[in-house]
Amino acid sequence: MTSIRQQSLFGIQELYDMEPTQKYEEIMAAIDLDAIFFEINKIR
């Protein structure tokens, strides 16, 4: 079995240090929404 290790976006201490709204903005900015929308539209 192959093991794939993904690099983390943020360290746990970095997330603790951020304000709640800043956490959400940083996480959402790291997600490639264009790729998700492309895949969803391809299914339809």
PDB file of N, CA and C in Angstrom:
ATOM      1  N   MET A   1       0.848  -1.182   0.000  1.00  0.00           N
ATOM      2  CA  MET A   1       0.000   0.000   0.000  1.00  0.00           C
ATOM      3  C   MET A   1       0.892   1.244   0.000  1.00  0.00           C
ATOM      4  N   THR A   2       0.528   2.193  -0.825  1.00  0.00           N
ATOM      5  CA  THR A   2       1.284   3.438  -0.931  1.00  0.00           C
ATOM      6  C   THR A   2       0.762   4.458   0.067  1.00  0.00           C
ATOM      7  N   SER A   3       1.664   5.135   0.709  1.00  0.00           N
ATOM      8  CA  SER A   3       1.299   6.179   1.663  1.00  0.00           C
ATOM      9  C   SER A   3       1.655   7.540   1.069  1.00  0.00           C
ATOM     10  N   ILE A   4       0.685   8.425   1.047  1.00  0.00           N
ATOM     11  CA  ILE A   4       0.902   9.771   0.530  1.00  0.00           C
ATOM     12  C   ILE A   4       0.763  10.737   1.694  1.00  0.00           C
ATOM     13  N   ARG A   5       1.764  11.543   1.888  1.00  0.00           N
ATOM     14  CA  ARG A   5       1.729  12.519   2.974  1.00  0.00           C
ATOM     15  C   ARG A   5       1.573  13.911   2.378  1.00  0.00           C
ATOM     16  N   GLN A   6       0.525  14.589   2.779  1.00  0.00           N
ATOM     17  CA  GLN A   6       0.259  15.934   2.283  1.00  0.00           C
ATOM     18  C   GLN A   6       0.838  16.957   3.249  1.00  0.00           C
ATOM     19  N   GLN A   7       1.478  17.958   2.684  1.00  0.00           N
ATOM     20  CA  GLN A   7       2.027  19.030   3.501  1.00  0.00           C
ATOM     21  C   GLN A   7       0.868  19.842   4.083  1.00  0.00           C
ATOM     22  N   SER A   8       0.973  20.236   5.324  1.00  0.00           N
ATOM     23  CA  SER A   8      -0.094  21.001   5.954  1.00  0.00           C
ATOM     24  C   SER A   8      -0.069  22.448   5.462  1.00  0.00           C
ATOM     25  N   LEU A   9      -1.236  23.066   5.454  1.00  0.00           N
ATOM     26  CA  LEU A   9      -1.354  24.459   5.030  1.00  0.00           C
ATOM     27  C   LEU A   9      -0.830  25.404   6.096  1.00  0.00           C
ATOM     28  N   PHE A  10      -1.138  25.084   7.343  1.00  0.00           N
ATOM     29  CA  PHE A  10      -0.764  25.941   8.463  1.00  0.00           C
ATOM     30  C   PHE A  10      -0.336  25.065   9.627  1.00  0.00           C
ATOM     31  N   GLY A  11       0.547  25.596  10.439  1.00  0.00           N
ATOM     32  CA  GLY A  11       0.889  24.925  11.685  1.00  0.00           C
ATOM     33  C   GLY A  11      -0.222  25.171  12.689  1.00  0.00           C
ATOM     34  N   ILE A  12      -0.358  24.282  13.647  1.00  0.00           N
ATOM     35  CA  ILE A  12      -1.428  24.419  14.637  1.00  0.00           C
ATOM     36  C   ILE A  12      -1.272  25.706  15.443  1.00  0.00           C
ATOM     37  N   GLN A  13      -0.052  26.098  15.749  1.00  0.00           N
ATOM     38  CA  GLN A  13       0.157  27.336  16.498  1.00  0.00           C
ATOM     39  C   GLN A  13      -0.262  28.547  15.684  1.00  0.00           C
ATOM     40  N   GLU A  14      -0.011  28.525  14.378  1.00  0.00           N
ATOM     41  CA  GLU A  14      -0.434  29.631  13.512  1.00  0.00           C
ATOM     42  C   GLU A  14      -1.949  29.792  13.539  1.00  0.00           C
ATOM     43  N   LEU A  15      -2.678  28.676  13.509  1.00  0.00           N
ATOM     44  CA  LEU A  15      -4.143  28.755  13.566  1.00  0.00           C
ATOM     45  C   LEU A  15      -4.628  29.280  14.904  1.00  0.00           C
ATOM     46  N   TYR A  16      -3.986  28.863  15.996  1.00  0.00           N
ATOM     47  CA  TYR A  16      -4.361  29.371  17.320  1.00  0.00           C
ATOM     48  C   TYR A  16      -4.121  30.868  17.429  1.00  0.00           C
ATOM     49  N   ASP A  17      -3.082  31.362  16.788  1.00  0.00           N
ATOM     50  CA  ASP A  17      -2.730  32.777  16.884  1.00  0.00           C
ATOM     51  C   ASP A  17      -3.630  33.681  16.037  1.00  0.00           C
ATOM     52  N   MET A  18      -4.309  33.133  15.069  1.00  0.00           N
ATOM     53  CA  MET A  18      -5.168  33.938  14.177  1.00  0.00           C
ATOM     54  C   MET A  18      -6.524  34.201  14.825  1.00  0.00           C
ATOM     55  N   GLU A  19      -7.117  35.317  14.464  1.00  0.00           N
ATOM     56  CA  GLU A  19      -8.487  35.615  14.864  1.00  0.00           C
ATOM     57  C   GLU A  19      -9.417  34.679  14.087  1.00  0.00           C
ATOM     58  N   PRO A  20     -10.612  34.384  14.620  1.00  0.00           N
ATOM     59  CA  PRO A  20     -11.515  33.443  13.933  1.00  0.00           C
ATOM     60  C   PRO A  20     -11.798  33.801  12.468  1.00  0.00           C
ATOM     61  N   THR A  21     -12.096  35.058  12.170  1.00  0.00           N
ATOM     62  CA  THR A  21     -12.403  35.416  10.788  1.00  0.00           C
ATOM     63  C   THR A  21     -11.170  35.303   9.894  1.00  0.00           C
ATOM     64  N   GLN A  22     -10.011  35.579  10.444  1.00  0.00           N
ATOM     65  CA  GLN A  22      -8.774  35.458   9.677  1.00  0.00           C
ATOM     66  C   GLN A  22      -8.491  33.989   9.353  1.00  0.00           C
ATOM     67  N   LYS A  23      -8.800  33.089  10.283  1.00  0.00           N
ATOM     68  CA  LYS A  23      -8.617  31.653  10.047  1.00  0.00           C
ATOM     69  C   LYS A  23      -9.425  31.216   8.836  1.00  0.00           C
ATOM     70  N   TYR A  24     -10.694  31.606   8.812  1.00  0.00           N
ATOM     71  CA  TYR A  24     -11.572  31.186   7.721  1.00  0.00           C
ATOM     72  C   TYR A  24     -11.098  31.748   6.393  1.00  0.00           C
ATOM     73  N   GLU A  25     -10.680  32.987   6.375  1.00  0.00           N
ATOM     74  CA  GLU A  25     -10.192  33.598   5.140  1.00  0.00           C
ATOM     75  C   GLU A  25      -8.961  32.872   4.613  1.00  0.00           C
ATOM     76  N   GLU A  26      -8.030  32.534   5.499  1.00  0.00           N
ATOM     77  CA  GLU A  26      -6.801  31.855   5.096  1.00  0.00           C
ATOM     78  C   GLU A  26      -7.091  30.452   4.569  1.00  0.00           C
ATOM     79  N   ILE A  27      -7.976  29.745   5.235  1.00  0.00           N
ATOM     80  CA  ILE A  27      -8.320  28.383   4.801  1.00  0.00           C
ATOM     81  C   ILE A  27      -9.035  28.424   3.456  1.00  0.00           C
ATOM     82  N   MET A  28     -10.004  29.318   3.306  1.00  0.00           N
ATOM     83  CA  MET A  28     -10.750  29.400   2.043  1.00  0.00           C
ATOM     84  C   MET A  28      -9.853  29.856   0.897  1.00  0.00           C
ATOM     85  N   ALA A  29      -8.880  30.712   1.167  1.00  0.00           N
ATOM     86  CA  ALA A  29      -7.967  31.180   0.124  1.00  0.00           C
ATOM     87  C   ALA A  29      -7.080  30.043  -0.385  1.00  0.00           C
ATOM     88  N   ALA A  30      -6.830  29.063   0.464  1.00  0.00           N
ATOM     89  CA  ALA A  30      -5.956  27.952   0.084  1.00  0.00           C
ATOM     90  C   ALA A  30      -6.686  26.882  -0.739  1.00  0.00           C
ATOM     91  N   ILE A  31      -8.019  26.924  -0.760  1.00  0.00           N
ATOM     92  CA  ILE A  31      -8.800  25.926  -1.494  1.00  0.00           C
ATOM     93  C   ILE A  31      -9.008  26.410  -2.928  1.00  0.00           C
ATOM     94  N   ASP A  32      -8.743  25.526  -3.894  1.00  0.00           N
ATOM     95  CA  ASP A  32      -8.917  25.855  -5.306  1.00  0.00           C
ATOM     96  C   ASP A  32     -10.386  25.639  -5.695  1.00  0.00           C
ATOM     97  N   LEU A  33     -11.198  26.671  -5.510  1.00  0.00           N
ATOM     98  CA  LEU A  33     -12.628  26.556  -5.800  1.00  0.00           C
ATOM     99  C   LEU A  33     -12.907  26.407  -7.289  1.00  0.00           C
ATOM    100  N   ASP A  34     -12.054  26.960  -8.138  1.00  0.00           N
ATOM    101  CA  ASP A  34     -12.257  26.827  -9.580  1.00  0.00           C
ATOM    102  C   ASP A  34     -12.244  25.360  -9.997  1.00  0.00           C
ATOM    103  N   ALA A  35     -11.335  24.587  -9.454  1.00  0.00           N
ATOM    104  CA  ALA A  35     -11.249  23.162  -9.787  1.00  0.00           C
ATOM    105  C   ALA A  35     -12.497  22.420  -9.309  1.00  0.00           C
ATOM    106  N   ILE A  36     -12.990  22.786  -8.134  1.00  0.00           N
ATOM    107  CA  ILE A  36     -14.204  22.152  -7.602  1.00  0.00           C
ATOM    108  C   ILE A  36     -15.398  22.491  -8.486  1.00  0.00           C
ATOM    109  N   PHE A  37     -15.569  23.758  -8.842  1.00  0.00           N
ATOM    110  CA  PHE A  37     -16.682  24.155  -9.697  1.00  0.00           C
ATOM    111  C   PHE A  37     -16.597  23.489 -11.062  1.00  0.00           C
ATOM    112  N   PHE A  38     -15.400  23.362 -11.594  1.00  0.00           N
ATOM    113  CA  PHE A  38     -15.199  22.714 -12.889  1.00  0.00           C
ATOM    114  C   PHE A  38     -15.675  21.258 -12.815  1.00  0.00           C
ATOM    115  N   GLU A  39     -15.294  20.544 -11.766  1.00  0.00           N
ATOM    116  CA  GLU A  39     -15.681  19.144 -11.625  1.00  0.00           C
ATOM    117  C   GLU A  39     -17.189  19.000 -11.438  1.00  0.00           C
ATOM    118  N   ILE A  40     -17.787  19.888 -10.676  1.00  0.00           N
ATOM    119  CA  ILE A  40     -19.238  19.824 -10.445  1.00  0.00           C
ATOM    120  C   ILE A  40     -19.979  20.081 -11.750  1.00  0.00           C
ATOM    121  N   ASN A  41     -19.558  21.080 -12.494  1.00  0.00           N
ATOM    122  CA  ASN A  41     -20.222  21.387 -13.762  1.00  0.00           C
ATOM    123  C   ASN A  41     -20.008  20.293 -14.802  1.00  0.00           C
ATOM    124  N   LYS A  42     -18.909  19.581 -14.720  1.00  0.00           N
ATOM    125  CA  LYS A  42     -18.627  18.495 -15.650  1.00  0.00           C
ATOM    126  C   LYS A  42     -19.615  17.346 -15.427  1.00  0.00           C
ATOM    127  N   ILE A  43     -20.027  17.134 -14.186  1.00  0.00           N
ATOM    128  CA  ILE A  43     -20.956  16.064 -13.839  1.00  0.00           C
ATOM    129  C   ILE A  43     -22.353  16.366 -14.381  1.00  0.00           C
ATOM    130  N   ARG A  44     -22.733  17.598 -14.350  1.00  0.00           N
ATOM    131  CA  ARG A  44     -24.088  17.990 -14.781  1.00  0.00           C
ATOM    132  C   ARG A  44     -24.211  17.830 -16.225  1.00  0.00           C
TER     133      ARG A  44
END
